[in-house]
Amino acid sequence: MTNPLVPPAGPRRVLALAQLANSVGDGAYYVTSALYFTHVVGLAPARVGLGLTLAWAVGSLVGVPLGRLADRRGPRGTAVLLALATGLAVASFLVVRGFVPFVAAACAYAAAQSGLAAARQALLAGLVPAGERTGLLAHLQSTLNAGLAVGAGLGGLALHAGTRAAYLGVFALDAVSFLLCAALLLRLPSPPAAGVTRRHGTGVLRDRPYVLVTLLNTVLLLRMPLLSLGVPLWITERTSAPAWLVSALFVLNTAVVMVFQVRMARGVTGLASATRAIRRSGLVMLASCAVFALSSGTPPWVAAGILVAGAVLQVVAEMQQSAGSWQLGLDLAPADRVGEYQGFFGTGVTVARTMGPLVLTALLVGWGTPGWLLLGVLMLGASYGTGPAARWAAARTADGNTGRGCARGGDSGTAVVAENRPVRRPSKARLPAT
């Protein structure tokens, strides 16, 4: 049986170790940062929220140019530099004493994190054959969850201590974790830079099919703030279930992803299997929303059982959607512009985390059961729209290669092959074959 946490030896295992290193630090940071900035630094919670919103808005804007830098200068060197920059940004939090320095440090942190994610995806694409990338990304997701769990435990110790020194120790740990990540990335072979020429500022935005795929994926990513915000608010405002169930459902989600994500992603190897996985995720997500809605107006332990059932369906949908979107995000990007395209594809996470709280609060707390059903239908529509959008993107990419290339699916030989047509988009390179 494949180990969900340990990929095969070589570059894949090094990538997993680098993921584990910085996720432990991030896990400790996530559970302590809000209290550190409010209780130790003395910022008002509203100002902390505003600063983080501004920071992630900046991060979403710089992801594409930093990804483009990885394409031009080489993904390994760019990833190493951005890992060091992230560690430096975290370390700067140790000396933050006011709102303006906090916003500056948070913007540096978000920008470096966004660029690092794009550069690492480009590095992975340069080291791993196309048909095997989703499997490795599933390993990395399991590793991420394991590291976050360990880090959250360490952060919990700092919260229990409640001292300034304990909080500063967490930030120091996170900074060091990114230094270790950079050291591990240096051990990897360096794929050649794509050598792309400078392009117009719009770049990937001119690729309308890929933009549509990214937009639909952003809708599906509304499931990210669902467990951290939507479900907790629903439990406390609309059900009689005990409040501690919020923590239990989070632990359940983390554990299931850690154990089963690799297995869930095993059958996703190309375009056809990726779109099937995303369609299934939409159906399961609709069922999850309907089950969550049933928990209102029931006795406490009945509500708790219904909420657990909804959370199980939700995590199944999450794993299916993740596997499918990883495959599409990489396979539909031109081979010489993976960093730029992944920088754009990754903005979906930022947008979902920024806009998701507003959408989910309005739907779930404001509308109740109809809001849950509307959310499920929205997810289902986005999942079914992804298939045609992905096929459009694959066909456009193939058209841009004078009929030579194909957006290969890796699913029983399935491929979207271009016809012999005039060159429409000569800047697009052939997609890597599986």
Protein backbone atom coordinates (compact mmCIF):
# COMPACT_ATOMS: atom_id res chain seq x y z
CA MET A 1 0.00 0.00 0.00
CA THR A 2 1.28 3.45 -0.87
CA ASN A 3 2.35 5.45 2.16
CA PRO A 4 0.27 8.67 2.16
CA LEU A 5 3.09 10.69 3.69
CA VAL A 6 6.31 9.33 2.16
CA PRO A 7 6.76 9.51 -1.63
CA PRO A 8 9.46 7.46 -3.38
CA ALA A 9 13.08 8.44 -2.75
CA GLY A 10 14.62 11.16 -4.88
CA PRO A 11 13.32 14.60 -5.82
CA ARG A 12 9.76 13.70 -4.83
CA ARG A 13 10.76 12.87 -1.28
CA VAL A 14 12.84 16.04 -1.04
CA LEU A 15 9.82 18.09 -2.17
CA ALA A 16 7.72 16.37 0.52
CA LEU A 17 10.33 17.07 3.21
CA ALA A 18 10.45 20.73 2.18
CA GLN A 19 6.64 20.84 2.41
CA LEU A 20 6.74 19.20 5.83
CA ALA A 21 9.39 21.62 7.11
CA ASN A 22 7.51 24.83 6.43
CA SER A 23 4.04 23.40 7.19
CA VAL A 24 5.06 22.64 10.78
CA GLY A 25 6.05 26.28 11.24
CA ASP A 26 2.92 27.49 9.47
CA GLY A 27 0.68 25.32 11.65
CA ALA A 28 2.10 26.92 14.78
CA TYR A 29 1.81 30.38 13.19
CA TYR A 30 -1.82 29.95 12.14
CA VAL A 31 -3.13 29.08 15.61
CA THR A 32 -1.21 31.83 17.43
CA SER A 33 -0.87 34.78 15.04
CA ALA A 34 -4.26 36.41 15.68
CA LEU A 35 -3.76 36.43 19.45
CA TYR A 36 -0.16 37.56 19.09
CA PHE A 37 -1.08 40.60 17.01
CA THR A 38 -4.01 41.54 19.25
CA HIS A 39 -2.75 40.63 22.75
CA VAL A 40 1.01 41.13 22.41
CA VAL A 41 1.39 43.76 19.68
CA GLY A 42 -1.83 45.48 20.80
CA LEU A 43 -3.61 45.88 17.46
CA ALA A 44 -7.39 45.99 17.32
CA PRO A 45 -8.93 42.83 15.80
CA ALA A 46 -10.55 44.88 13.03
CA ARG A 47 -7.16 46.32 12.09
CA VAL A 48 -5.59 42.87 12.03
CA GLY A 49 -8.35 41.69 9.70
CA LEU A 50 -7.93 44.72 7.45
CA GLY A 51 -4.17 44.30 7.32
CA LEU A 52 -4.40 40.62 6.39
CA THR A 53 -7.01 41.34 3.72
CA LEU A 54 -4.73 43.97 2.17
CA ALA A 55 -1.77 41.60 2.40
CA TRP A 56 -3.47 38.73 0.59
CA ALA A 57 -4.80 41.12 -2.04
CA VAL A 58 -1.17 42.10 -2.73
CA GLY A 59 -0.20 38.42 -2.72
CA SER A 60 -2.79 37.63 -5.37
CA LEU A 61 -1.46 40.42 -7.60
CA VAL A 62 2.21 39.47 -7.45
CA GLY A 63 1.75 35.71 -7.89
CA VAL A 64 1.76 35.95 -11.68
CA PRO A 65 4.87 38.14 -12.10
CA LEU A 66 6.78 36.04 -9.54
CA GLY A 67 5.69 32.89 -11.34
CA ARG A 68 6.88 34.45 -14.60
CA LEU A 69 10.23 35.11 -12.92
CA ALA A 70 10.48 31.40 -12.10
CA ASP A 71 9.86 30.59 -15.77
CA ARG A 72 12.60 32.97 -16.93
CA ARG A 73 15.25 32.45 -14.26
CA GLY A 74 14.62 28.86 -13.26
CA PRO A 75 12.12 27.51 -10.70
CA ARG A 76 14.59 26.07 -8.20
CA GLY A 77 16.59 29.24 -7.62
CA THR A 78 13.42 31.35 -7.53
CA ALA A 79 11.77 28.98 -5.03
CA VAL A 80 14.84 29.06 -2.78
CA LEU A 81 14.97 32.85 -2.80
CA LEU A 82 11.24 33.15 -2.09
CA ALA A 83 11.47 30.62 0.76
CA LEU A 84 14.22 32.77 2.28
CA ALA A 85 12.11 35.89 1.70
CA THR A 86 9.14 34.26 3.45
CA GLY A 87 11.31 33.36 6.43
CA LEU A 88 12.62 36.92 6.59
CA ALA A 89 9.05 38.30 6.45
CA VAL A 90 7.98 36.04 9.31
CA ALA A 91 11.04 37.10 11.32
CA SER A 92 10.08 40.75 10.79
CA PHE A 93 6.89 40.11 12.76
CA LEU A 94 9.11 39.74 15.81
CA VAL A 95 9.86 43.46 15.78
CA VAL A 96 6.47 44.78 14.58
CA ARG A 97 5.03 47.30 17.03
CA GLY A 98 2.39 49.22 15.06
CA PHE A 99 -0.24 48.96 12.35
CA VAL A 100 1.81 50.29 9.40
CA PRO A 101 4.82 48.01 10.04
CA PHE A 102 2.37 45.13 10.51
CA VAL A 103 0.75 45.76 7.11
CA ALA A 104 4.17 46.05 5.44
CA ALA A 105 5.38 42.79 6.97
CA ALA A 106 2.11 41.02 6.18
CA CYS A 107 2.28 42.17 2.54
CA ALA A 108 5.85 40.90 2.25
CA TYR A 109 4.80 37.59 3.78
CA ALA A 110 1.77 37.13 1.50
CA ALA A 111 3.72 38.14 -1.62
CA ALA A 112 6.57 35.74 -0.87
CA GLN A 113 4.15 32.91 -0.04
CA SER A 114 2.19 33.40 -3.28
CA GLY A 115 5.33 33.50 -5.39
CA LEU A 116 6.79 30.50 -3.57
CA ALA A 117 3.68 28.43 -4.30
CA ALA A 118 3.91 29.23 -8.02
CA ALA A 119 7.67 28.57 -8.18
CA ARG A 120 7.30 25.23 -6.39
CA GLN A 121 4.61 24.13 -8.82
CA ALA A 122 6.89 25.05 -11.73
CA LEU A 123 9.73 23.16 -10.05
CA LEU A 124 7.54 20.10 -9.60
CA ALA A 125 6.43 20.29 -13.25
CA GLY A 126 10.08 20.37 -14.33
CA LEU A 127 11.06 17.33 -12.26
CA VAL A 128 8.04 15.02 -12.47
CA PRO A 129 6.41 13.54 -15.61
CA ALA A 130 2.98 14.97 -16.38
CA GLY A 131 1.00 11.82 -15.60
CA GLU A 132 2.54 11.48 -12.15
CA ARG A 133 2.18 15.04 -10.85
CA THR A 134 -1.25 14.72 -9.30
CA GLY A 135 -0.14 11.67 -7.33
CA LEU A 136 2.81 13.60 -5.94
CA LEU A 137 0.63 16.62 -5.16
CA ALA A 138 -1.64 14.29 -3.19
CA HIS A 139 1.41 13.15 -1.20
CA LEU A 140 2.34 16.78 -0.60
CA GLN A 141 -1.20 17.59 0.56
CA SER A 142 -1.08 14.73 3.06
CA THR A 143 2.32 15.91 4.22
CA LEU A 144 1.00 19.45 4.54
CA ASN A 145 -1.86 18.32 6.77
CA ALA A 146 0.47 16.26 8.95
CA GLY A 147 2.83 19.20 9.36
CA LEU A 148 0.01 21.61 10.13
CA ALA A 149 -1.31 19.22 12.78
CA VAL A 150 2.10 18.98 14.46
CA GLY A 151 2.58 22.75 14.22
CA ALA A 152 -0.89 23.41 15.63
CA GLY A 153 0.04 21.25 18.61
CA LEU A 154 3.19 23.27 19.19
CA GLY A 155 1.19 26.47 18.81
CA GLY A 156 -1.26 25.15 21.37
CA LEU A 157 1.59 24.84 23.88
CA ALA A 158 2.44 28.49 23.26
CA LEU A 159 -1.21 29.48 23.75
CA HIS A 160 -1.28 27.54 27.01
CA ALA A 161 1.85 29.34 28.23
CA GLY A 162 0.38 32.67 27.12
CA THR A 163 3.68 34.55 27.46
CA ARG A 164 5.31 36.95 25.04
CA ALA A 165 8.36 34.68 24.87
CA ALA A 166 6.19 31.71 23.88
CA TYR A 167 4.56 33.66 21.04
CA LEU A 168 7.94 34.93 19.82
CA GLY A 169 9.22 31.35 19.90
CA VAL A 170 6.44 30.33 17.51
CA PHE A 171 7.35 33.07 15.03
CA ALA A 172 11.03 32.15 15.28
CA LEU A 173 10.10 28.51 14.61
CA ASP A 174 8.14 29.48 11.51
CA ALA A 175 11.02 31.61 10.21
CA VAL A 176 13.50 28.77 10.74
CA SER A 177 11.14 26.32 9.04
CA PHE A 178 11.35 28.34 5.83
CA LEU A 179 15.14 28.43 6.05
CA LEU A 180 15.08 24.63 6.29
CA CYS A 181 12.67 24.53 3.35
CA ALA A 182 15.11 26.61 1.27
CA ALA A 183 18.01 24.32 2.23
CA LEU A 184 16.04 21.25 1.16
CA LEU A 185 15.01 22.82 -2.16
CA LEU A 186 18.69 23.48 -2.86
CA ARG A 187 19.25 19.71 -2.86
CA LEU A 188 17.00 19.28 -5.89
CA PRO A 189 18.30 19.23 -9.45
CA SER A 190 17.67 22.45 -11.29
CA PRO A 191 15.33 22.19 -14.29
CA PRO A 192 16.36 24.56 -17.07
CA ALA A 193 14.66 27.93 -17.20
CA ALA A 194 11.97 28.09 -19.84
CA GLY A 195 13.65 31.10 -21.39
CA VAL A 196 10.38 32.79 -22.24
CA THR A 197 10.55 36.24 -23.66
CA ARG A 198 8.98 39.25 -22.00
CA ARG A 199 5.27 39.52 -22.69
CA HIS A 200 2.56 42.08 -22.40
CA GLY A 201 1.42 42.81 -18.85
CA THR A 202 -1.84 40.89 -19.31
CA GLY A 203 0.04 37.62 -20.03
CA VAL A 204 -2.08 34.69 -18.87
CA LEU A 205 -5.17 36.92 -18.74
CA ARG A 206 -5.26 36.76 -22.54
CA ASP A 207 -5.81 33.00 -22.32
CA ARG A 208 -9.58 33.15 -21.88
CA PRO A 209 -10.17 29.38 -21.55
CA TYR A 210 -7.61 29.11 -18.75
CA VAL A 211 -9.10 32.16 -17.04
CA LEU A 212 -12.52 30.49 -17.17
CA VAL A 213 -11.14 27.27 -15.67
CA THR A 214 -9.53 29.32 -12.89
CA LEU A 215 -12.78 31.20 -12.23
CA LEU A 216 -14.80 27.99 -11.96
CA ASN A 217 -12.16 26.50 -9.69
CA THR A 218 -12.40 29.60 -7.47
CA VAL A 219 -16.11 28.93 -7.00
CA LEU A 220 -15.32 25.34 -5.99
CA LEU A 221 -12.71 26.66 -3.53
CA LEU A 222 -15.48 28.27 -1.47
CA ARG A 223 -15.29 24.97 0.42
CA MET A 224 -12.06 26.27 2.05
CA PRO A 225 -13.67 28.86 4.37
CA LEU A 226 -16.69 26.57 4.78
CA LEU A 227 -15.11 24.45 7.52
CA SER A 228 -13.23 27.30 9.19
CA LEU A 229 -16.07 29.86 9.14
CA GLY A 230 -19.33 28.73 7.55
CA VAL A 231 -19.88 25.53 9.53
CA PRO A 232 -18.78 27.04 12.89
CA LEU A 233 -21.23 29.92 12.44
CA TRP A 234 -23.97 27.51 11.38
CA ILE A 235 -23.37 25.29 14.42
CA THR A 236 -23.44 28.15 16.91
CA GLU A 237 -26.17 30.24 15.31
CA ARG A 238 -28.57 27.75 13.74
CA THR A 239 -28.21 24.38 15.52
CA SER A 240 -28.34 22.99 19.06
CA ALA A 241 -25.12 20.97 18.60
CA PRO A 242 -22.32 21.52 21.15
CA ALA A 243 -19.76 24.18 20.21
CA TRP A 244 -16.83 21.80 20.70
CA LEU A 245 -18.01 19.95 17.60
CA VAL A 246 -16.36 22.72 15.54
CA SER A 247 -12.93 21.50 16.64
CA ALA A 248 -13.89 17.84 16.20
CA LEU A 249 -14.98 18.40 12.60
CA PHE A 250 -11.71 20.21 11.82
CA VAL A 251 -9.68 17.32 13.24
CA LEU A 252 -11.82 14.86 11.27
CA ASN A 253 -11.17 16.76 8.03
CA THR A 254 -7.42 16.95 8.62
CA ALA A 255 -7.12 13.27 9.48
CA VAL A 256 -9.17 12.04 6.52
CA VAL A 257 -7.20 14.14 4.03
CA MET A 258 -3.91 12.98 5.53
CA VAL A 259 -4.85 9.30 5.23
CA PHE A 260 -6.95 9.14 2.06
CA GLN A 261 -5.89 11.97 -0.29
CA VAL A 262 -3.22 9.88 -2.03
CA ARG A 263 -5.68 7.03 -2.58
CA MET A 264 -8.37 9.41 -3.83
CA ALA A 265 -6.00 10.99 -6.36
CA ARG A 266 -4.62 7.72 -7.71
CA GLY A 267 -7.00 7.55 -10.66
CA VAL A 268 -6.51 11.15 -11.77
CA THR A 269 -3.85 11.15 -14.49
CA GLY A 270 -5.13 13.47 -17.19
CA LEU A 271 -7.83 15.71 -18.55
CA ALA A 272 -10.69 13.20 -18.72
CA SER A 273 -10.17 11.70 -15.27
CA ALA A 274 -9.64 15.15 -13.74
CA THR A 275 -12.93 16.52 -15.05
CA ARG A 276 -14.74 13.35 -13.93
CA ALA A 277 -13.34 13.77 -10.42
CA ILE A 278 -14.47 17.40 -10.33
CA ARG A 279 -17.98 16.50 -11.53
CA ARG A 280 -18.25 13.87 -8.81
CA SER A 281 -17.05 16.41 -6.26
CA GLY A 282 -19.87 18.75 -7.25
CA LEU A 283 -22.48 16.05 -6.73
CA VAL A 284 -21.03 15.04 -3.37
CA MET A 285 -20.79 18.69 -2.32
CA LEU A 286 -24.47 19.23 -3.13
CA ALA A 287 -25.31 16.22 -0.96
CA SER A 288 -23.08 17.58 1.81
CA CYS A 289 -24.85 20.96 1.77
CA ALA A 290 -28.24 19.27 1.90
CA VAL A 291 -27.18 17.15 4.87
CA PHE A 292 -25.74 20.15 6.73
CA ALA A 293 -29.04 21.96 6.22
CA LEU A 294 -30.94 19.11 7.92
CA SER A 295 -29.11 19.73 11.21
CA SER A 296 -31.16 22.83 12.04
CA GLY A 297 -34.06 22.39 14.45
CA THR A 298 -33.05 18.94 15.70
CA PRO A 299 -32.00 17.76 19.20
CA PRO A 300 -28.31 18.31 20.08
CA TRP A 301 -27.00 14.80 19.50
CA VAL A 302 -29.09 14.27 16.40
CA ALA A 303 -27.71 17.55 15.04
CA ALA A 304 -24.18 16.41 15.92
CA GLY A 305 -24.61 13.15 14.01
CA ILE A 306 -26.00 14.95 10.97
CA LEU A 307 -23.13 17.47 11.04
CA VAL A 308 -20.55 14.65 11.17
CA ALA A 309 -22.22 13.01 8.16
CA GLY A 310 -22.16 16.33 6.28
CA ALA A 311 -18.49 16.83 7.16
CA VAL A 312 -17.60 13.36 5.84
CA LEU A 313 -19.30 14.13 2.52
CA GLN A 314 -17.59 17.53 2.44
CA VAL A 315 -14.09 16.09 2.87
CA VAL A 316 -14.74 13.47 0.15
CA ALA A 317 -15.78 16.29 -2.20
CA GLU A 318 -12.70 18.28 -1.14
CA MET A 319 -10.30 15.45 -1.99
CA GLN A 320 -11.92 14.84 -5.37
CA GLN A 321 -11.91 18.53 -6.27
CA SER A 322 -8.31 18.96 -5.16
CA ALA A 323 -7.05 16.05 -7.26
CA GLY A 324 -8.90 17.21 -10.36
CA SER A 325 -7.89 20.85 -10.05
CA TRP A 326 -4.20 20.03 -9.53
CA GLN A 327 -4.19 18.06 -12.75
CA LEU A 328 -5.99 20.72 -14.76
CA GLY A 329 -3.97 23.64 -13.39
CA LEU A 330 -0.70 22.04 -14.48
CA ASP A 331 -1.74 20.21 -17.65
CA LEU A 332 -3.48 23.21 -19.20
CA ALA A 333 -0.47 25.49 -18.67
CA PRO A 334 2.08 25.80 -21.49
CA ALA A 335 5.29 23.94 -20.65
CA ASP A 336 7.37 27.13 -20.83
CA ARG A 337 5.03 29.22 -18.65
CA VAL A 338 4.04 26.91 -15.78
CA GLY A 339 5.17 29.38 -13.11
CA GLU A 340 3.18 32.26 -14.58
CA TYR A 341 0.06 30.15 -15.05
CA GLN A 342 0.31 28.58 -11.59
CA GLY A 343 0.72 32.05 -10.11
CA PHE A 344 -2.61 32.97 -11.68
CA PHE A 345 -4.33 29.67 -10.86
CA GLY A 346 -3.30 30.12 -7.23
CA THR A 347 -5.13 33.43 -6.96
CA GLY A 348 -8.30 31.36 -6.71
CA VAL A 349 -7.28 30.39 -3.19
CA THR A 350 -6.80 34.02 -2.18
CA VAL A 351 -10.06 35.17 -3.72
CA ALA A 352 -11.99 32.30 -2.08
CA ARG A 353 -10.49 33.09 1.31
CA THR A 354 -11.15 36.82 0.91
CA MET A 355 -14.66 36.73 -0.57
CA GLY A 356 -15.76 33.42 0.91
CA PRO A 357 -16.53 34.75 4.40
CA LEU A 358 -18.89 37.38 2.96
CA VAL A 359 -20.65 34.88 0.68
CA LEU A 360 -20.96 32.12 3.26
CA THR A 361 -22.12 34.42 6.04
CA ALA A 362 -24.87 35.82 3.81
CA LEU A 363 -25.98 32.41 2.52
CA LEU A 364 -25.75 30.23 5.62
CA VAL A 365 -26.39 32.57 8.55
CA GLY A 366 -28.67 34.95 6.67
CA TRP A 367 -30.72 32.51 4.55
CA GLY A 368 -30.38 29.25 6.46
CA THR A 369 -31.54 26.09 4.66
CA PRO A 370 -32.20 27.80 1.28
CA GLY A 371 -28.69 29.26 1.50
CA TRP A 372 -27.17 25.78 1.94
CA LEU A 373 -29.07 24.48 -1.07
CA LEU A 374 -28.10 27.49 -3.20
CA LEU A 375 -24.44 26.96 -2.24
CA GLY A 376 -24.67 23.30 -3.25
CA VAL A 377 -26.27 24.14 -6.60
CA LEU A 378 -23.58 26.79 -7.23
CA MET A 379 -20.85 24.22 -6.56
CA LEU A 380 -22.56 21.66 -8.77
CA GLY A 381 -22.86 24.13 -11.65
CA ALA A 382 -19.19 25.10 -11.39
CA SER A 383 -18.12 21.44 -11.32
CA TYR A 384 -20.11 20.59 -14.45
CA GLY A 385 -18.91 23.73 -16.22
CA THR A 386 -15.26 22.81 -15.62
CA GLY A 387 -15.26 19.96 -18.15
CA PRO A 388 -16.24 22.02 -21.23
CA ALA A 389 -13.96 24.87 -20.11
CA ALA A 390 -11.00 22.49 -19.71
CA ARG A 391 -11.61 20.93 -23.12
CA TRP A 392 -11.76 24.41 -24.66
CA ALA A 393 -8.46 25.30 -22.99
CA ALA A 394 -6.84 22.06 -24.17
CA ALA A 395 -8.05 22.54 -27.73
CA ARG A 396 -6.87 26.15 -27.84
CA THR A 397 -3.44 25.11 -26.58
CA ALA A 398 -3.20 22.39 -29.21
CA ASP A 399 -4.33 24.82 -31.93
CA GLY A 400 -1.49 27.12 -30.96
CA ASN A 401 1.03 24.39 -31.74
CA THR A 402 0.26 24.06 -35.46
CA GLY A 403 -1.37 20.70 -35.05
CA ARG A 404 1.80 19.11 -33.63
CA GLY A 405 0.81 18.92 -30.02
CA CYS A 406 -1.98 17.70 -27.89
CA ALA A 407 -3.23 18.32 -24.41
CA ARG A 408 -2.77 14.71 -23.44
CA GLY A 409 -5.04 13.30 -20.84
CA GLY A 410 -3.18 10.18 -19.86
CA ASP A 411 -6.52 8.37 -19.50
CA SER A 412 -6.41 5.19 -21.56
CA GLY A 413 -4.73 7.02 -24.38
CA THR A 414 -7.35 9.77 -24.46
CA ALA A 415 -6.02 13.00 -25.94
CA VAL A 416 -7.36 16.19 -27.41
CA VAL A 417 -5.49 16.40 -30.70
CA ALA A 418 -5.25 19.54 -32.76
CA GLU A 419 -6.26 19.68 -36.37
CA ASN A 420 -3.94 21.05 -39.03
CA ARG A 421 -4.80 24.71 -38.73
CA PRO A 422 -2.89 27.97 -39.08
CA VAL A 423 -0.93 29.01 -36.05
CA ARG A 424 -3.08 31.15 -33.76
CA ARG A 425 -0.96 31.33 -30.67
CA PRO A 426 2.68 30.62 -31.51
CA SER A 427 3.76 31.67 -28.02
CA LYS A 428 2.18 28.56 -26.53
CA ALA A 429 4.51 25.62 -26.17
CA ARG A 430 3.45 22.03 -26.44
CA LEU A 431 2.02 20.54 -23.26
CA PRO A 432 4.11 17.78 -21.72
CA ALA A 433 2.86 14.33 -22.63
CA THR A 434 2.17 11.78 -19.96
